[in-house]
Amino acid sequence: MPKSIFVYLVALFFLVGSVLFLSSFFLNHSPSELIKQNDEIVFEAKNISINLGFKKSDFVLKVKSSMINSLKEEKNLYVYQPKVDIFGKNTFLKIISNKGTIAYDKNLVLLENKTEISGKVNKKNILGKAGKIDIDLNKKNLSSNEIILFIDKYEISVKEIILNDDEVVFKGSPIFLKDNEGLITETSVVKLKSNGELIFPSKLNIKNY
């Protein structure tokens, strides 16, 4: 686990644990509900913000959640209505979702559904959506069964976004590109260079006219 994640999580556990210990006797729960909570939930808190660092990169990922909790004997933090910001030198992405999980032993952020993407990367405005997205802090990538992105005049359907320091790589099997005239083509990789240039392979497979 990167040092930055460990430090933030230790501080979070101590802070939330102290607050819950002092306030648990004043919660409006029945005794059975308190026992069930003590058996299952390590802590629960609202309006939490966590900063996570990408390994060997200047990218930072910030997670804000309306509520966060963790269960006993698990290495997960469960977040609700999370807002994820990824920012670096030429990158700012905001990703919102209905709920998700931070698997801190694996350095993964798993956003489950109703995921929306917005921001600016390498001088390009980006909008997007997906059913769910997995963010791997070690690999510096976002992956999903399908991520639909809108960049310039293109609608791009991809399965993986790799956040390199000097470029962003979009991958799929295949990637589908649709321009504003309705032309659909497919390829395996698209790159967004640091100067804002979109790089396509010299040969694209045209699907329709």
N, C-alpha and C. Protein backbone atom coordinates (compact mmCIF):
# COMPACT_ATOMS: atom_id res chain seq x y z
N MET A 1 0.84 -1.19 0.00
CA MET A 1 0.00 0.00 0.00
C MET A 1 0.89 1.25 0.00
N PRO A 2 0.65 2.23 -0.92
CA PRO A 2 1.44 3.45 -0.89
C PRO A 2 1.36 4.12 0.45
N LYS A 3 2.45 4.77 0.85
CA LYS A 3 2.54 5.38 2.16
C LYS A 3 1.43 6.39 2.39
N SER A 4 1.09 7.18 1.36
CA SER A 4 0.07 8.21 1.52
C SER A 4 -1.28 7.62 1.88
N ILE A 5 -1.64 6.47 1.28
CA ILE A 5 -2.91 5.84 1.60
C ILE A 5 -2.90 5.35 3.04
N PHE A 6 -1.80 4.72 3.45
CA PHE A 6 -1.70 4.19 4.81
C PHE A 6 -1.86 5.28 5.85
N VAL A 7 -1.18 6.40 5.63
CA VAL A 7 -1.24 7.49 6.60
C VAL A 7 -2.66 8.04 6.72
N TYR A 8 -3.31 8.27 5.60
CA TYR A 8 -4.67 8.81 5.63
C TYR A 8 -5.65 7.83 6.27
N LEU A 9 -5.49 6.54 5.99
CA LEU A 9 -6.41 5.56 6.54
C LEU A 9 -6.24 5.42 8.05
N VAL A 10 -4.98 5.42 8.52
CA VAL A 10 -4.74 5.35 9.95
C VAL A 10 -5.37 6.53 10.66
N ALA A 11 -5.16 7.73 10.10
CA ALA A 11 -5.74 8.93 10.70
C ALA A 11 -7.27 8.85 10.69
N LEU A 12 -7.82 8.35 9.58
CA LEU A 12 -9.28 8.23 9.45
C LEU A 12 -9.85 7.27 10.49
N PHE A 13 -9.21 6.11 10.65
CA PHE A 13 -9.70 5.14 11.62
C PHE A 13 -9.68 5.69 13.04
N PHE A 14 -8.58 6.35 13.41
CA PHE A 14 -8.48 6.92 14.76
C PHE A 14 -9.52 8.00 14.98
N LEU A 15 -9.69 8.88 13.98
CA LEU A 15 -10.64 9.98 14.12
C LEU A 15 -12.06 9.47 14.25
N VAL A 16 -12.46 8.63 13.29
CA VAL A 16 -13.83 8.13 13.29
C VAL A 16 -14.09 7.23 14.48
N GLY A 17 -13.12 6.39 14.84
CA GLY A 17 -13.28 5.52 15.98
C GLY A 17 -13.49 6.29 17.27
N SER A 18 -12.75 7.36 17.44
CA SER A 18 -12.90 8.18 18.64
C SER A 18 -14.27 8.83 18.70
N VAL A 19 -14.71 9.38 17.55
CA VAL A 19 -16.01 10.04 17.52
C VAL A 19 -17.13 9.07 17.81
N LEU A 20 -17.06 7.88 17.20
CA LEU A 20 -18.12 6.90 17.42
C LEU A 20 -18.13 6.37 18.84
N PHE A 21 -16.94 6.21 19.44
CA PHE A 21 -16.89 5.73 20.82
C PHE A 21 -17.55 6.71 21.76
N LEU A 22 -17.35 8.00 21.54
CA LEU A 22 -17.90 9.02 22.42
C LEU A 22 -19.39 9.25 22.17
N SER A 23 -19.83 9.00 20.92
CA SER A 23 -21.21 9.35 20.59
C SER A 23 -22.16 8.17 20.53
N SER A 24 -21.65 6.93 20.56
CA SER A 24 -22.51 5.77 20.32
C SER A 24 -23.59 5.63 21.39
N PHE A 25 -23.34 6.07 22.62
CA PHE A 25 -24.34 5.93 23.67
C PHE A 25 -25.50 6.90 23.49
N PHE A 26 -25.34 7.88 22.62
CA PHE A 26 -26.39 8.86 22.43
C PHE A 26 -27.16 8.66 21.14
N LEU A 27 -26.84 7.60 20.39
CA LEU A 27 -27.53 7.33 19.14
C LEU A 27 -28.91 6.79 19.44
N ASN A 28 -29.84 7.14 18.53
CA ASN A 28 -31.24 6.75 18.72
C ASN A 28 -31.49 5.39 18.08
N HIS A 29 -30.90 4.31 18.68
CA HIS A 29 -31.07 2.95 18.19
C HIS A 29 -31.56 2.08 19.33
N SER A 30 -32.25 1.01 18.97
CA SER A 30 -32.63 0.02 19.97
C SER A 30 -31.40 -0.81 20.32
N PRO A 31 -31.39 -1.52 21.48
CA PRO A 31 -30.24 -2.35 21.85
C PRO A 31 -29.88 -3.38 20.80
N SER A 32 -30.89 -4.00 20.16
CA SER A 32 -30.60 -5.02 19.14
C SER A 32 -29.90 -4.41 17.95
N GLU A 33 -30.28 -3.19 17.57
CA GLU A 33 -29.63 -2.52 16.44
C GLU A 33 -28.19 -2.18 16.77
N LEU A 34 -27.94 -1.77 18.01
CA LEU A 34 -26.57 -1.46 18.40
C LEU A 34 -25.70 -2.70 18.39
N ILE A 35 -26.23 -3.84 18.85
CA ILE A 35 -25.46 -5.08 18.85
C ILE A 35 -25.14 -5.50 17.42
N LYS A 36 -26.13 -5.41 16.55
CA LYS A 36 -25.91 -5.78 15.15
C LYS A 36 -24.86 -4.89 14.53
N GLN A 37 -24.90 -3.60 14.83
CA GLN A 37 -23.92 -2.69 14.28
C GLN A 37 -22.53 -3.01 14.79
N ASN A 38 -22.43 -3.32 16.09
CA ASN A 38 -21.13 -3.64 16.66
C ASN A 38 -20.57 -4.93 16.10
N ASP A 39 -21.44 -5.87 15.72
CA ASP A 39 -20.99 -7.13 15.16
C ASP A 39 -20.50 -6.98 13.72
N GLU A 40 -21.03 -6.00 13.01
CA GLU A 40 -20.79 -5.94 11.57
C GLU A 40 -19.97 -4.72 11.14
N ILE A 41 -20.19 -3.58 11.74
CA ILE A 41 -19.62 -2.34 11.25
C ILE A 41 -18.50 -1.85 12.17
N VAL A 42 -17.33 -1.62 11.60
CA VAL A 42 -16.22 -1.08 12.37
C VAL A 42 -16.47 0.39 12.67
N PHE A 43 -16.83 1.15 11.65
CA PHE A 43 -17.19 2.55 11.85
C PHE A 43 -18.11 3.01 10.73
N GLU A 44 -18.74 4.13 10.98
CA GLU A 44 -19.59 4.77 9.99
C GLU A 44 -19.55 6.27 10.21
N ALA A 45 -19.35 7.03 9.15
CA ALA A 45 -19.26 8.49 9.28
C ALA A 45 -19.78 9.14 8.01
N LYS A 46 -20.10 10.41 8.10
CA LYS A 46 -20.65 11.15 6.97
C LYS A 46 -19.67 12.24 6.52
N ASN A 47 -19.80 12.58 5.22
CA ASN A 47 -19.05 13.69 4.63
C ASN A 47 -17.54 13.57 4.88
N ILE A 48 -16.98 12.47 4.36
CA ILE A 48 -15.56 12.17 4.52
C ILE A 48 -14.83 12.45 3.21
N SER A 49 -13.59 12.94 3.31
CA SER A 49 -12.74 13.17 2.15
C SER A 49 -11.42 12.46 2.36
N ILE A 50 -10.97 11.68 1.36
CA ILE A 50 -9.73 10.91 1.44
C ILE A 50 -8.87 11.21 0.22
N ASN A 51 -7.59 11.46 0.42
CA ASN A 51 -6.64 11.64 -0.68
C ASN A 51 -5.82 10.36 -0.86
N LEU A 52 -5.73 9.88 -2.11
CA LEU A 52 -4.97 8.69 -2.42
C LEU A 52 -3.95 9.02 -3.50
N GLY A 53 -2.74 8.48 -3.39
CA GLY A 53 -1.69 8.77 -4.35
C GLY A 53 -1.48 7.63 -5.33
N PHE A 54 -1.27 7.97 -6.60
CA PHE A 54 -0.92 6.97 -7.60
C PHE A 54 0.55 6.60 -7.44
N LYS A 55 0.87 5.34 -7.53
CA LYS A 55 2.24 4.86 -7.38
C LYS A 55 3.12 5.38 -8.51
N LYS A 56 4.28 5.94 -8.16
CA LYS A 56 5.27 6.44 -9.12
C LYS A 56 4.65 7.42 -10.11
N SER A 57 3.84 8.33 -9.61
CA SER A 57 3.18 9.31 -10.47
C SER A 57 2.82 10.53 -9.65
N ASP A 58 2.65 11.68 -10.34
CA ASP A 58 2.22 12.89 -9.64
C ASP A 58 0.70 13.02 -9.62
N PHE A 59 -0.02 12.01 -10.13
CA PHE A 59 -1.48 12.04 -10.07
C PHE A 59 -1.95 11.85 -8.63
N VAL A 60 -3.00 12.56 -8.26
CA VAL A 60 -3.63 12.42 -6.95
C VAL A 60 -5.11 12.14 -7.15
N LEU A 61 -5.65 11.22 -6.38
CA LEU A 61 -7.05 10.88 -6.45
C LEU A 61 -7.70 11.27 -5.11
N LYS A 62 -8.75 12.06 -5.19
CA LYS A 62 -9.45 12.51 -4.00
C LYS A 62 -10.87 11.98 -4.02
N VAL A 63 -11.28 11.32 -2.95
CA VAL A 63 -12.61 10.74 -2.86
C VAL A 63 -13.40 11.47 -1.78
N LYS A 64 -14.56 12.02 -2.17
CA LYS A 64 -15.49 12.61 -1.21
C LYS A 64 -16.74 11.74 -1.19
N SER A 65 -17.25 11.49 0.01
CA SER A 65 -18.41 10.61 0.14
C SER A 65 -19.39 11.17 1.15
N SER A 66 -20.69 11.04 0.84
CA SER A 66 -21.72 11.49 1.77
C SER A 66 -21.77 10.61 3.02
N MET A 67 -21.35 9.35 2.86
CA MET A 67 -21.26 8.44 4.01
C MET A 67 -20.23 7.37 3.68
N ILE A 68 -19.51 6.91 4.70
CA ILE A 68 -18.50 5.87 4.51
C ILE A 68 -18.57 4.93 5.70
N ASN A 69 -18.43 3.62 5.44
CA ASN A 69 -18.34 2.68 6.55
C ASN A 69 -17.46 1.52 6.15
N SER A 70 -17.14 0.71 7.15
CA SER A 70 -16.31 -0.47 6.94
C SER A 70 -16.81 -1.59 7.81
N LEU A 71 -16.75 -2.81 7.29
CA LEU A 71 -17.21 -3.98 8.03
C LEU A 71 -16.03 -4.72 8.65
N LYS A 72 -16.32 -5.44 9.73
CA LYS A 72 -15.27 -6.22 10.37
C LYS A 72 -14.73 -7.29 9.43
N GLU A 73 -13.45 -7.60 9.62
CA GLU A 73 -12.76 -8.65 8.87
C GLU A 73 -12.75 -8.39 7.37
N GLU A 74 -12.89 -7.14 6.97
CA GLU A 74 -12.77 -6.76 5.56
C GLU A 74 -11.78 -5.62 5.42
N LYS A 75 -11.18 -5.53 4.25
CA LYS A 75 -10.25 -4.45 3.97
C LYS A 75 -10.86 -3.52 2.92
N ASN A 76 -12.13 -3.18 3.16
CA ASN A 76 -12.86 -2.32 2.24
C ASN A 76 -13.45 -1.14 2.98
N LEU A 77 -13.53 -0.02 2.30
CA LEU A 77 -14.31 1.12 2.76
C LEU A 77 -15.46 1.29 1.78
N TYR A 78 -16.68 1.33 2.28
CA TYR A 78 -17.85 1.46 1.42
C TYR A 78 -18.28 2.92 1.39
N VAL A 79 -18.35 3.49 0.18
CA VAL A 79 -18.65 4.91 0.03
C VAL A 79 -19.98 5.07 -0.70
N TYR A 80 -20.71 6.12 -0.34
CA TYR A 80 -22.04 6.36 -0.90
C TYR A 80 -22.09 7.74 -1.52
N GLN A 81 -22.63 7.80 -2.74
CA GLN A 81 -22.63 9.01 -3.55
C GLN A 81 -21.22 9.61 -3.62
N PRO A 82 -20.23 8.77 -3.98
CA PRO A 82 -18.86 9.27 -4.00
C PRO A 82 -18.60 10.23 -5.16
N LYS A 83 -17.72 11.18 -4.90
CA LYS A 83 -17.21 12.09 -5.92
C LYS A 83 -15.70 11.93 -5.95
N VAL A 84 -15.19 11.48 -7.10
CA VAL A 84 -13.77 11.18 -7.23
C VAL A 84 -13.13 12.21 -8.15
N ASP A 85 -12.09 12.86 -7.67
CA ASP A 85 -11.31 13.80 -8.47
C ASP A 85 -9.94 13.20 -8.73
N ILE A 86 -9.52 13.19 -9.99
CA ILE A 86 -8.18 12.77 -10.37
C ILE A 86 -7.50 13.97 -11.00
N PHE A 87 -6.40 14.42 -10.40
CA PHE A 87 -5.75 15.59 -10.96
C PHE A 87 -4.24 15.44 -10.97
N GLY A 88 -3.64 16.02 -12.01
CA GLY A 88 -2.20 16.01 -12.20
C GLY A 88 -1.82 17.26 -12.98
N LYS A 89 -0.67 17.23 -13.62
CA LYS A 89 -0.14 18.41 -14.31
C LYS A 89 -1.10 18.90 -15.39
N ASN A 90 -1.55 18.03 -16.27
CA ASN A 90 -2.46 18.41 -17.36
C ASN A 90 -3.79 17.67 -17.29
N THR A 91 -4.15 17.21 -16.10
CA THR A 91 -5.32 16.36 -15.97
C THR A 91 -6.20 16.81 -14.82
N PHE A 92 -7.49 16.93 -15.10
CA PHE A 92 -8.47 17.04 -14.03
C PHE A 92 -9.73 16.31 -14.47
N LEU A 93 -10.03 15.23 -13.79
CA LEU A 93 -11.23 14.45 -14.07
C LEU A 93 -12.08 14.38 -12.81
N LYS A 94 -13.39 14.57 -12.98
CA LYS A 94 -14.34 14.43 -11.89
C LYS A 94 -15.26 13.27 -12.24
N ILE A 95 -15.31 12.29 -11.35
CA ILE A 95 -16.13 11.10 -11.58
C ILE A 95 -17.10 10.97 -10.42
N ILE A 96 -18.38 10.90 -10.71
CA ILE A 96 -19.39 10.73 -9.68
C ILE A 96 -20.14 9.43 -9.92
N SER A 97 -20.60 8.83 -8.83
CA SER A 97 -21.28 7.54 -8.93
C SER A 97 -22.31 7.43 -7.81
N ASN A 98 -23.15 6.42 -7.90
CA ASN A 98 -24.15 6.20 -6.88
C ASN A 98 -23.56 5.62 -5.60
N LYS A 99 -22.65 4.66 -5.76
CA LYS A 99 -21.96 4.07 -4.62
C LYS A 99 -20.71 3.36 -5.10
N GLY A 100 -19.86 2.99 -4.16
CA GLY A 100 -18.62 2.33 -4.55
C GLY A 100 -17.90 1.73 -3.36
N THR A 101 -16.71 1.18 -3.66
CA THR A 101 -15.89 0.51 -2.65
C THR A 101 -14.44 0.91 -2.85
N ILE A 102 -13.75 1.21 -1.74
CA ILE A 102 -12.31 1.41 -1.77
C ILE A 102 -11.68 0.16 -1.18
N ALA A 103 -11.06 -0.66 -2.03
CA ALA A 103 -10.35 -1.86 -1.57
C ALA A 103 -8.91 -1.46 -1.30
N TYR A 104 -8.65 -1.01 -0.06
CA TYR A 104 -7.37 -0.36 0.20
C TYR A 104 -6.20 -1.34 0.28
N ASP A 105 -6.47 -2.64 0.41
CA ASP A 105 -5.37 -3.60 0.37
C ASP A 105 -4.90 -3.85 -1.06
N LYS A 106 -5.77 -3.55 -2.04
CA LYS A 106 -5.42 -3.75 -3.45
C LYS A 106 -5.23 -2.43 -4.20
N ASN A 107 -5.42 -1.31 -3.50
CA ASN A 107 -5.30 0.03 -4.12
C ASN A 107 -6.29 0.20 -5.28
N LEU A 108 -7.54 -0.23 -5.04
CA LEU A 108 -8.58 -0.13 -6.05
C LEU A 108 -9.73 0.73 -5.53
N VAL A 109 -10.31 1.52 -6.43
CA VAL A 109 -11.56 2.22 -6.16
C VAL A 109 -12.58 1.69 -7.15
N LEU A 110 -13.64 1.07 -6.66
CA LEU A 110 -14.63 0.41 -7.51
C LEU A 110 -15.93 1.20 -7.44
N LEU A 111 -16.30 1.83 -8.55
CA LEU A 111 -17.55 2.60 -8.62
C LEU A 111 -18.59 1.73 -9.31
N GLU A 112 -19.73 1.54 -8.66
CA GLU A 112 -20.61 0.45 -9.06
C GLU A 112 -21.59 0.80 -10.17
N ASN A 113 -22.23 1.96 -10.13
CA ASN A 113 -23.24 2.23 -11.15
C ASN A 113 -23.50 3.73 -11.27
N LYS A 114 -24.21 4.08 -12.34
CA LYS A 114 -24.57 5.47 -12.62
C LYS A 114 -23.35 6.38 -12.54
N THR A 115 -22.31 5.99 -13.27
CA THR A 115 -21.04 6.71 -13.22
C THR A 115 -20.98 7.76 -14.33
N GLU A 116 -20.63 8.98 -13.96
CA GLU A 116 -20.50 10.07 -14.92
C GLU A 116 -19.11 10.68 -14.81
N ILE A 117 -18.55 11.07 -15.96
CA ILE A 117 -17.19 11.61 -16.03
C ILE A 117 -17.23 12.99 -16.67
N SER A 118 -16.46 13.91 -16.13
CA SER A 118 -16.31 15.22 -16.75
C SER A 118 -14.93 15.76 -16.39
N GLY A 119 -14.46 16.74 -17.17
CA GLY A 119 -13.17 17.34 -16.85
C GLY A 119 -12.40 17.74 -18.08
N LYS A 120 -11.10 17.95 -17.88
CA LYS A 120 -10.22 18.38 -18.97
C LYS A 120 -8.90 17.64 -18.85
N VAL A 121 -8.48 17.02 -19.95
CA VAL A 121 -7.23 16.27 -19.99
C VAL A 121 -6.45 16.69 -21.21
N ASN A 122 -5.20 17.08 -21.00
CA ASN A 122 -4.32 17.47 -22.11
C ASN A 122 -5.02 18.43 -23.08
N LYS A 123 -5.62 19.47 -22.51
CA LYS A 123 -6.25 20.57 -23.25
C LYS A 123 -7.59 20.19 -23.90
N LYS A 124 -8.07 18.99 -23.68
CA LYS A 124 -9.33 18.56 -24.27
C LYS A 124 -10.41 18.42 -23.19
N ASN A 125 -11.58 19.00 -23.46
CA ASN A 125 -12.72 18.79 -22.58
C ASN A 125 -13.27 17.38 -22.80
N ILE A 126 -13.59 16.71 -21.70
CA ILE A 126 -14.06 15.33 -21.77
C ILE A 126 -15.35 15.18 -20.98
N LEU A 127 -16.32 14.53 -21.59
CA LEU A 127 -17.53 14.10 -20.90
C LEU A 127 -17.68 12.59 -21.12
N GLY A 128 -18.25 11.90 -20.15
CA GLY A 128 -18.39 10.47 -20.32
C GLY A 128 -19.36 9.85 -19.34
N LYS A 129 -19.62 8.57 -19.56
CA LYS A 129 -20.52 7.83 -18.68
C LYS A 129 -20.20 6.35 -18.78
N ALA A 130 -20.58 5.62 -17.73
CA ALA A 130 -20.38 4.17 -17.70
C ALA A 130 -21.30 3.57 -16.66
N GLY A 131 -21.58 2.28 -16.78
CA GLY A 131 -22.35 1.61 -15.75
C GLY A 131 -21.56 1.50 -14.48
N LYS A 132 -20.29 1.09 -14.60
CA LYS A 132 -19.39 1.02 -13.46
C LYS A 132 -17.96 1.22 -13.97
N ILE A 133 -17.09 1.63 -13.06
CA ILE A 133 -15.69 1.85 -13.40
C ILE A 133 -14.82 1.37 -12.25
N ASP A 134 -13.73 0.68 -12.58
CA ASP A 134 -12.71 0.29 -11.61
C ASP A 134 -11.48 1.18 -11.82
N ILE A 135 -11.04 1.82 -10.74
CA ILE A 135 -9.85 2.67 -10.80
C ILE A 135 -8.72 1.95 -10.07
N ASP A 136 -7.66 1.62 -10.80
CA ASP A 136 -6.51 0.91 -10.24
C ASP A 136 -5.39 1.91 -10.02
N LEU A 137 -5.06 2.19 -8.74
CA LEU A 137 -4.05 3.19 -8.45
C LEU A 137 -2.65 2.71 -8.82
N ASN A 138 -2.41 1.40 -8.79
CA ASN A 138 -1.10 0.89 -9.15
C ASN A 138 -0.86 0.97 -10.67
N LYS A 139 -1.88 0.59 -11.44
CA LYS A 139 -1.75 0.60 -12.89
C LYS A 139 -2.06 1.96 -13.51
N LYS A 140 -2.60 2.88 -12.71
CA LYS A 140 -2.98 4.22 -13.17
C LYS A 140 -3.99 4.13 -14.33
N ASN A 141 -5.00 3.28 -14.14
CA ASN A 141 -5.97 3.14 -15.22
C ASN A 141 -7.39 3.08 -14.70
N LEU A 142 -8.33 3.33 -15.60
CA LEU A 142 -9.76 3.18 -15.35
C LEU A 142 -10.25 2.13 -16.33
N SER A 143 -11.01 1.17 -15.85
CA SER A 143 -11.50 0.11 -16.73
C SER A 143 -12.98 -0.17 -16.46
N SER A 144 -13.65 -0.66 -17.50
CA SER A 144 -15.08 -0.95 -17.42
C SER A 144 -15.46 -1.82 -18.61
N ASN A 145 -16.65 -2.41 -18.54
CA ASN A 145 -17.16 -3.13 -19.71
C ASN A 145 -17.36 -2.19 -20.89
N GLU A 146 -17.75 -0.95 -20.59
CA GLU A 146 -17.88 0.07 -21.63
C GLU A 146 -17.88 1.45 -20.98
N ILE A 147 -16.99 2.30 -21.48
CA ILE A 147 -16.96 3.71 -21.10
C ILE A 147 -17.22 4.52 -22.36
N ILE A 148 -18.22 5.35 -22.35
CA ILE A 148 -18.54 6.20 -23.50
C ILE A 148 -18.03 7.60 -23.22
N LEU A 149 -17.12 8.09 -24.08
CA LEU A 149 -16.51 9.40 -23.91
C LEU A 149 -16.87 10.30 -25.07
N PHE A 150 -16.99 11.60 -24.78
CA PHE A 150 -17.24 12.60 -25.81
C PHE A 150 -16.05 13.57 -25.80
N ILE A 151 -15.26 13.52 -26.89
CA ILE A 151 -14.07 14.36 -27.04
C ILE A 151 -14.12 15.01 -28.41
N ASP A 152 -14.09 16.34 -28.46
CA ASP A 152 -14.22 17.06 -29.73
C ASP A 152 -15.50 16.61 -30.44
N LYS A 153 -15.36 16.18 -31.68
CA LYS A 153 -16.53 15.78 -32.46
C LYS A 153 -16.80 14.28 -32.36
N TYR A 154 -16.07 13.60 -31.50
CA TYR A 154 -16.15 12.15 -31.46
C TYR A 154 -16.88 11.63 -30.22
N GLU A 155 -17.64 10.56 -30.44
CA GLU A 155 -18.13 9.71 -29.35
C GLU A 155 -17.30 8.44 -29.39
N ILE A 156 -16.58 8.16 -28.32
CA ILE A 156 -15.62 7.06 -28.30
C ILE A 156 -16.03 6.05 -27.23
N SER A 157 -16.22 4.79 -27.63
CA SER A 157 -16.55 3.72 -26.69
C SER A 157 -15.30 2.90 -26.42
N VAL A 158 -14.84 2.91 -25.17
CA VAL A 158 -13.60 2.24 -24.79
C VAL A 158 -13.84 1.33 -23.61
N LYS A 159 -12.83 0.52 -23.30
CA LYS A 159 -12.89 -0.35 -22.12
C LYS A 159 -11.83 0.02 -21.08
N GLU A 160 -10.83 0.80 -21.49
CA GLU A 160 -9.75 1.14 -20.55
C GLU A 160 -9.18 2.52 -20.88
N ILE A 161 -8.90 3.28 -19.83
CA ILE A 161 -8.23 4.57 -19.94
C ILE A 161 -6.96 4.50 -19.10
N ILE A 162 -5.80 4.68 -19.72
CA ILE A 162 -4.52 4.60 -19.02
C ILE A 162 -3.98 6.02 -18.87
N LEU A 163 -3.74 6.43 -17.63
CA LEU A 163 -3.32 7.80 -17.34
C LEU A 163 -1.80 7.87 -17.20
N ASN A 164 -1.11 7.95 -18.33
CA ASN A 164 0.33 8.18 -18.28
C ASN A 164 0.61 9.65 -18.03
N ASP A 165 1.81 9.95 -17.55
CA ASP A 165 2.14 11.34 -17.25
C ASP A 165 2.22 12.20 -18.52
N ASP A 166 2.63 11.61 -19.64
CA ASP A 166 2.82 12.39 -20.87
C ASP A 166 1.71 12.20 -21.90
N GLU A 167 0.83 11.22 -21.69
CA GLU A 167 -0.25 10.99 -22.62
C GLU A 167 -1.31 10.12 -21.96
N VAL A 168 -2.51 10.15 -22.54
CA VAL A 168 -3.59 9.27 -22.10
C VAL A 168 -3.86 8.28 -23.23
N VAL A 169 -3.95 7.01 -22.87
CA VAL A 169 -4.16 5.96 -23.86
C VAL A 169 -5.55 5.35 -23.64
N PHE A 170 -6.34 5.28 -24.71
CA PHE A 170 -7.66 4.66 -24.68
C PHE A 170 -7.57 3.32 -25.40
N LYS A 171 -8.06 2.27 -24.74
CA LYS A 171 -8.00 0.94 -25.34
C LYS A 171 -9.38 0.29 -25.35
N GLY A 172 -9.55 -0.65 -26.26
CA GLY A 172 -10.79 -1.42 -26.35
C GLY A 172 -10.60 -2.60 -27.25
N SER A 173 -11.61 -3.45 -27.32
CA SER A 173 -11.49 -4.64 -28.18
C SER A 173 -12.79 -4.89 -28.96
N PRO A 174 -13.10 -4.01 -29.91
CA PRO A 174 -12.32 -2.82 -30.31
C PRO A 174 -12.86 -1.55 -29.65
N ILE A 175 -12.23 -0.42 -30.02
CA ILE A 175 -12.78 0.91 -29.72
C ILE A 175 -13.70 1.30 -30.87
N PHE A 176 -14.86 1.83 -30.53
CA PHE A 176 -15.77 2.36 -31.57
C PHE A 176 -15.75 3.87 -31.52
N LEU A 177 -15.57 4.49 -32.69
CA LEU A 177 -15.58 5.94 -32.82
C LEU A 177 -16.73 6.36 -33.71
N LYS A 178 -17.48 7.34 -33.24
CA LYS A 178 -18.58 7.89 -34.02
C LYS A 178 -18.41 9.40 -34.08
N ASP A 179 -18.36 9.95 -35.30
CA ASP A 179 -18.19 11.40 -35.41
C ASP A 179 -19.56 12.08 -35.49
N ASN A 180 -19.54 13.42 -35.57
CA ASN A 180 -20.82 14.15 -35.54
C ASN A 180 -21.61 14.05 -36.84
N GLU A 181 -21.07 13.35 -37.84
CA GLU A 181 -21.81 13.10 -39.08
C GLU A 181 -22.37 11.67 -39.11
N GLY A 182 -22.16 10.93 -38.03
CA GLY A 182 -22.72 9.58 -37.93
C GLY A 182 -21.82 8.48 -38.45
N LEU A 183 -20.60 8.82 -38.92
CA LEU A 183 -19.69 7.80 -39.43
C LEU A 183 -19.10 7.02 -38.26
N ILE A 184 -19.20 5.69 -38.31
CA ILE A 184 -18.69 4.83 -37.26
C ILE A 184 -17.49 4.05 -37.77
N THR A 185 -16.41 4.10 -37.01
CA THR A 185 -15.21 3.33 -37.32
C THR A 185 -14.77 2.59 -36.07
N GLU A 186 -13.86 1.65 -36.23
CA GLU A 186 -13.35 0.93 -35.08
C GLU A 186 -11.84 0.77 -35.17
N THR A 187 -11.21 0.71 -34.00
CA THR A 187 -9.78 0.53 -33.89
C THR A 187 -9.49 -0.08 -32.53
N SER A 188 -8.22 -0.27 -32.21
CA SER A 188 -7.87 -0.91 -30.94
C SER A 188 -7.28 0.06 -29.93
N VAL A 189 -6.80 1.22 -30.40
CA VAL A 189 -6.16 2.16 -29.48
C VAL A 189 -6.26 3.59 -30.02
N VAL A 190 -6.45 4.53 -29.11
CA VAL A 190 -6.42 5.97 -29.42
C VAL A 190 -5.59 6.64 -28.34
N LYS A 191 -4.78 7.63 -28.72
CA LYS A 191 -3.94 8.33 -27.76
C LYS A 191 -4.26 9.81 -27.75
N LEU A 192 -4.21 10.40 -26.56
CA LEU A 192 -4.37 11.83 -26.39
C LEU A 192 -3.06 12.37 -25.85
N LYS A 193 -2.30 13.06 -26.72
CA LYS A 193 -0.97 13.53 -26.36
C LYS A 193 -1.07 14.75 -25.44
N SER A 194 0.04 15.09 -24.81
CA SER A 194 0.07 16.19 -23.85
C SER A 194 -0.21 17.55 -24.51
N ASN A 195 0.01 17.65 -25.82
CA ASN A 195 -0.28 18.91 -26.53
C ASN A 195 -1.72 19.02 -26.99
N GLY A 196 -2.55 18.02 -26.64
CA GLY A 196 -3.96 18.06 -27.01
C GLY A 196 -4.29 17.35 -28.30
N GLU A 197 -3.31 16.74 -28.94
CA GLU A 197 -3.54 16.06 -30.22
C GLU A 197 -4.09 14.66 -29.99
N LEU A 198 -5.18 14.35 -30.69
CA LEU A 198 -5.73 13.00 -30.69
C LEU A 198 -5.04 12.19 -31.79
N ILE A 199 -4.47 11.05 -31.41
CA ILE A 199 -3.74 10.21 -32.35
C ILE A 199 -4.55 8.95 -32.64
N PHE A 200 -4.88 8.75 -33.92
CA PHE A 200 -5.58 7.55 -34.36
C PHE A 200 -4.63 6.71 -35.20
N PRO A 201 -4.84 5.39 -35.26
CA PRO A 201 -4.04 4.56 -36.17
C PRO A 201 -4.22 5.02 -37.61
N SER A 202 -3.21 4.75 -38.43
CA SER A 202 -3.28 5.18 -39.83
C SER A 202 -4.38 4.47 -40.59
N LYS A 203 -4.82 3.32 -40.09
CA LYS A 203 -5.86 2.55 -40.75
C LYS A 203 -7.01 2.31 -39.79
N LEU A 204 -8.20 2.74 -40.17
CA LEU A 204 -9.41 2.52 -39.37
C LEU A 204 -10.36 1.64 -40.16
N ASN A 205 -11.05 0.79 -39.45
CA ASN A 205 -12.03 -0.09 -40.07
C ASN A 205 -13.39 0.63 -40.08
N ILE A 206 -13.85 1.01 -41.25
CA ILE A 206 -15.11 1.75 -41.38
C ILE A 206 -16.30 0.77 -41.27
N LYS A 207 -17.22 1.10 -40.37
CA LYS A 207 -18.37 0.22 -40.12
C LYS A 207 -19.56 0.56 -40.99
N ASN A 208 -19.80 1.86 -41.26
CA ASN A 208 -20.93 2.22 -42.09
C ASN A 208 -20.67 3.57 -42.73
N TYR A 209 -21.52 3.97 -43.65
CA TYR A 209 -21.35 5.22 -44.37
C TYR A 209 -22.54 6.11 -44.10
